[in-house]
Amino acid sequence: MLHLNTTSSKHTDIQPSRIAKDEADVKALLLMLQESWINPFNSNQQDLVCLSTGKLATPEIANDLIQEKALGEKSVQED
């Protein structure tokens, strides 16, 4: 009734073929992230990039973002 004498495993996640496939999938995902996507934590990346679209920020947007702290402080002082 409990099938305690059976030697076959029904857990497909621990089969060698499944483990190999999962490892290959992880390697492919890492390669895609490293080669195709922009790493927002890369200190060598100088351009501002929208993470959701991958598009570069225009010079106007980049300038606004760089000056946002000073502009916010100026706005608070004026109020």
C-alpha atoms as a PDB file:
ATOM      1  CA  MET A   1       0.000   0.000   0.000  1.00  0.00           C
ATOM      2  CA  LEU A   2       2.821   2.441   0.801  1.00  0.00           C
ATOM      3  CA  HIS A   3       5.083   1.106  -1.959  1.00  0.00           C
ATOM      4  CA  LEU A   4       8.047   0.919   0.410  1.00  0.00           C
ATOM      5  CA  ASN A   5       9.695  -1.860  -1.553  1.00  0.00           C
ATOM      6  CA  THR A   6       9.891   0.019  -4.823  1.00  0.00           C
ATOM      7  CA  THR A   7      13.300   1.212  -5.999  1.00  0.00           C
ATOM      8  CA  SER A   8      12.168   3.753  -8.539  1.00  0.00           C
ATOM      9  CA  SER A   9      11.957   7.379  -7.517  1.00  0.00           C
ATOM     10  CA  LYS A  10       8.997   9.435  -8.600  1.00  0.00           C
ATOM     11  CA  HIS A  11      10.743  12.761  -7.893  1.00  0.00           C
ATOM     12  CA  THR A  12      11.720  13.941 -11.336  1.00  0.00           C
ATOM     13  CA  ASP A  13      13.496  17.000  -9.898  1.00  0.00           C
ATOM     14  CA  ILE A  14      16.312  14.840  -8.517  1.00  0.00           C
ATOM     15  CA  GLN A  15      16.940  12.809 -11.661  1.00  0.00           C
ATOM     16  CA  PRO A  16      20.398  13.424 -13.237  1.00  0.00           C
ATOM     17  CA  SER A  17      18.842  14.478 -16.539  1.00  0.00           C
ATOM     18  CA  ARG A  18      16.662  17.097 -14.803  1.00  0.00           C
ATOM     19  CA  ILE A  19      19.595  18.406 -12.753  1.00  0.00           C
ATOM     20  CA  ALA A  20      21.684  18.782 -15.912  1.00  0.00           C
ATOM     21  CA  LYS A  21      18.851  20.615 -17.683  1.00  0.00           C
ATOM     22  CA  ASP A  22      18.322  22.971 -14.726  1.00  0.00           C
ATOM     23  CA  GLU A  23      22.046  23.738 -14.537  1.00  0.00           C
ATOM     24  CA  ALA A  24      22.114  24.508 -18.266  1.00  0.00           C
ATOM     25  CA  ASP A  25      19.077  26.793 -17.852  1.00  0.00           C
ATOM     26  CA  VAL A  26      20.768  28.701 -15.012  1.00  0.00           C
ATOM     27  CA  LYS A  27      23.952  29.115 -17.064  1.00  0.00           C
ATOM     28  CA  ALA A  28      21.939  30.411 -20.029  1.00  0.00           C
ATOM     29  CA  LEU A  29      20.096  32.868 -17.790  1.00  0.00           C
ATOM     30  CA  LEU A  30      23.330  34.163 -16.262  1.00  0.00           C
ATOM     31  CA  LEU A  31      24.867  34.575 -19.708  1.00  0.00           C
ATOM     32  CA  MET A  32      21.837  36.538 -20.894  1.00  0.00           C
ATOM     33  CA  LEU A  33      21.933  38.795 -17.828  1.00  0.00           C
ATOM     34  CA  GLN A  34      25.664  39.435 -18.174  1.00  0.00           C
ATOM     35  CA  GLU A  35      25.799  39.870 -21.954  1.00  0.00           C
ATOM     36  CA  SER A  36      22.457  41.408 -22.902  1.00  0.00           C
ATOM     37  CA  TRP A  37      21.156  43.348 -19.927  1.00  0.00           C
ATOM     38  CA  ILE A  38      22.560  46.464 -18.338  1.00  0.00           C
ATOM     39  CA  ASN A  39      23.949  45.982 -14.859  1.00  0.00           C
ATOM     40  CA  PRO A  40      22.645  48.916 -12.785  1.00  0.00           C
ATOM     41  CA  PHE A  41      25.347  48.320 -10.172  1.00  0.00           C
ATOM     42  CA  ASN A  42      28.254  48.507 -12.626  1.00  0.00           C
ATOM     43  CA  SER A  43      30.345  51.525 -11.630  1.00  0.00           C
ATOM     44  CA  ASN A  44      31.854  51.676 -15.137  1.00  0.00           C
ATOM     45  CA  GLN A  45      28.446  52.423 -16.674  1.00  0.00           C
ATOM     46  CA  GLN A  46      28.394  56.186 -17.184  1.00  0.00           C
ATOM     47  CA  ASP A  47      25.110  56.603 -19.031  1.00  0.00           C
ATOM     48  CA  LEU A  48      21.786  56.754 -17.227  1.00  0.00           C
ATOM     49  CA  VAL A  49      19.538  54.000 -18.481  1.00  0.00           C
ATOM     50  CA  CYS A  50      15.876  53.276 -17.836  1.00  0.00           C
ATOM     51  CA  LEU A  51      15.819  49.814 -16.261  1.00  0.00           C
ATOM     52  CA  SER A  52      12.358  48.960 -17.598  1.00  0.00           C
ATOM     53  CA  THR A  53      13.007  49.881 -21.240  1.00  0.00           C
ATOM     54  CA  GLY A  54      16.801  49.770 -21.562  1.00  0.00           C
ATOM     55  CA  LYS A  55      16.794  53.168 -23.288  1.00  0.00           C
ATOM     56  CA  LEU A  56      19.385  55.820 -22.547  1.00  0.00           C
ATOM     57  CA  ALA A  57      18.183  58.929 -20.743  1.00  0.00           C
ATOM     58  CA  THR A  58      18.148  62.081 -22.832  1.00  0.00           C
ATOM     59  CA  PRO A  59      20.653  64.792 -21.806  1.00  0.00           C
ATOM     60  CA  GLU A  60      17.777  66.859 -20.382  1.00  0.00           C
ATOM     61  CA  ILE A  61      16.535  64.005 -18.199  1.00  0.00           C
ATOM     62  CA  ALA A  62      20.071  63.131 -17.097  1.00  0.00           C
ATOM     63  CA  ASN A  63      20.694  66.760 -16.133  1.00  0.00           C
ATOM     64  CA  ASP A  64      17.432  66.927 -14.153  1.00  0.00           C
ATOM     65  CA  LEU A  65      18.275  63.719 -12.297  1.00  0.00           C
ATOM     66  CA  ILE A  66      21.789  64.893 -11.482  1.00  0.00           C
ATOM     67  CA  GLN A  67      20.460  68.189 -10.094  1.00  0.00           C
ATOM     68  CA  GLU A  68      17.339  66.778  -8.389  1.00  0.00           C
ATOM     69  CA  LYS A  69      18.678  67.127  -4.836  1.00  0.00           C
ATOM     70  CA  ALA A  70      19.645  70.768  -5.277  1.00  0.00           C
ATOM     71  CA  LEU A  71      16.359  71.544  -7.038  1.00  0.00           C
ATOM     72  CA  GLY A  72      14.369  69.841  -4.239  1.00  0.00           C
ATOM     73  CA  GLU A  73      16.242  71.741  -1.528  1.00  0.00           C
ATOM     74  CA  LYS A  74      15.718  75.016  -3.392  1.00  0.00           C
ATOM     75  CA  SER A  75      11.985  74.264  -3.690  1.00  0.00           C
ATOM     76  CA  VAL A  76      11.715  73.548   0.066  1.00  0.00           C
ATOM     77  CA  GLN A  77      13.532  76.794   0.924  1.00  0.00           C
ATOM     78  CA  GLU A  78      11.197  78.814  -1.281  1.00  0.00           C
ATOM     79  CA  ASP A  79       8.108  77.443   0.494  1.00  0.00           C
END
